[in-house]
């Protein structure tokens, strides 16, 4: 079953190694980077407030806090969307 707003495997492969929170990174390892990215993309694609994210993504407050931290470190949604839409590169446009 394909979810309309979920990442395809090829999209995930293009961005997974450049996102923070991997086991090889210093600090806390992310529980599920893919689910987090899908939550952010879902929110921006649908235009809903953070509090209206479906429960399958987890606590919206945790997702929003993490997204806010990412945005301050230049890992914002524009980077993610550009990376996913640009088949020629693994890096942000």
Foldseek 3Di string as FASTA:
>chain_A
DDDPQADDPLLCVLAVVVDPQPPVDPDHHDPDPRLLLSQQSVCVVVVDDLCPGDCVSPHSVVSVVVQVVCVVVVNHPQQSVQCSVDPPHSGGD
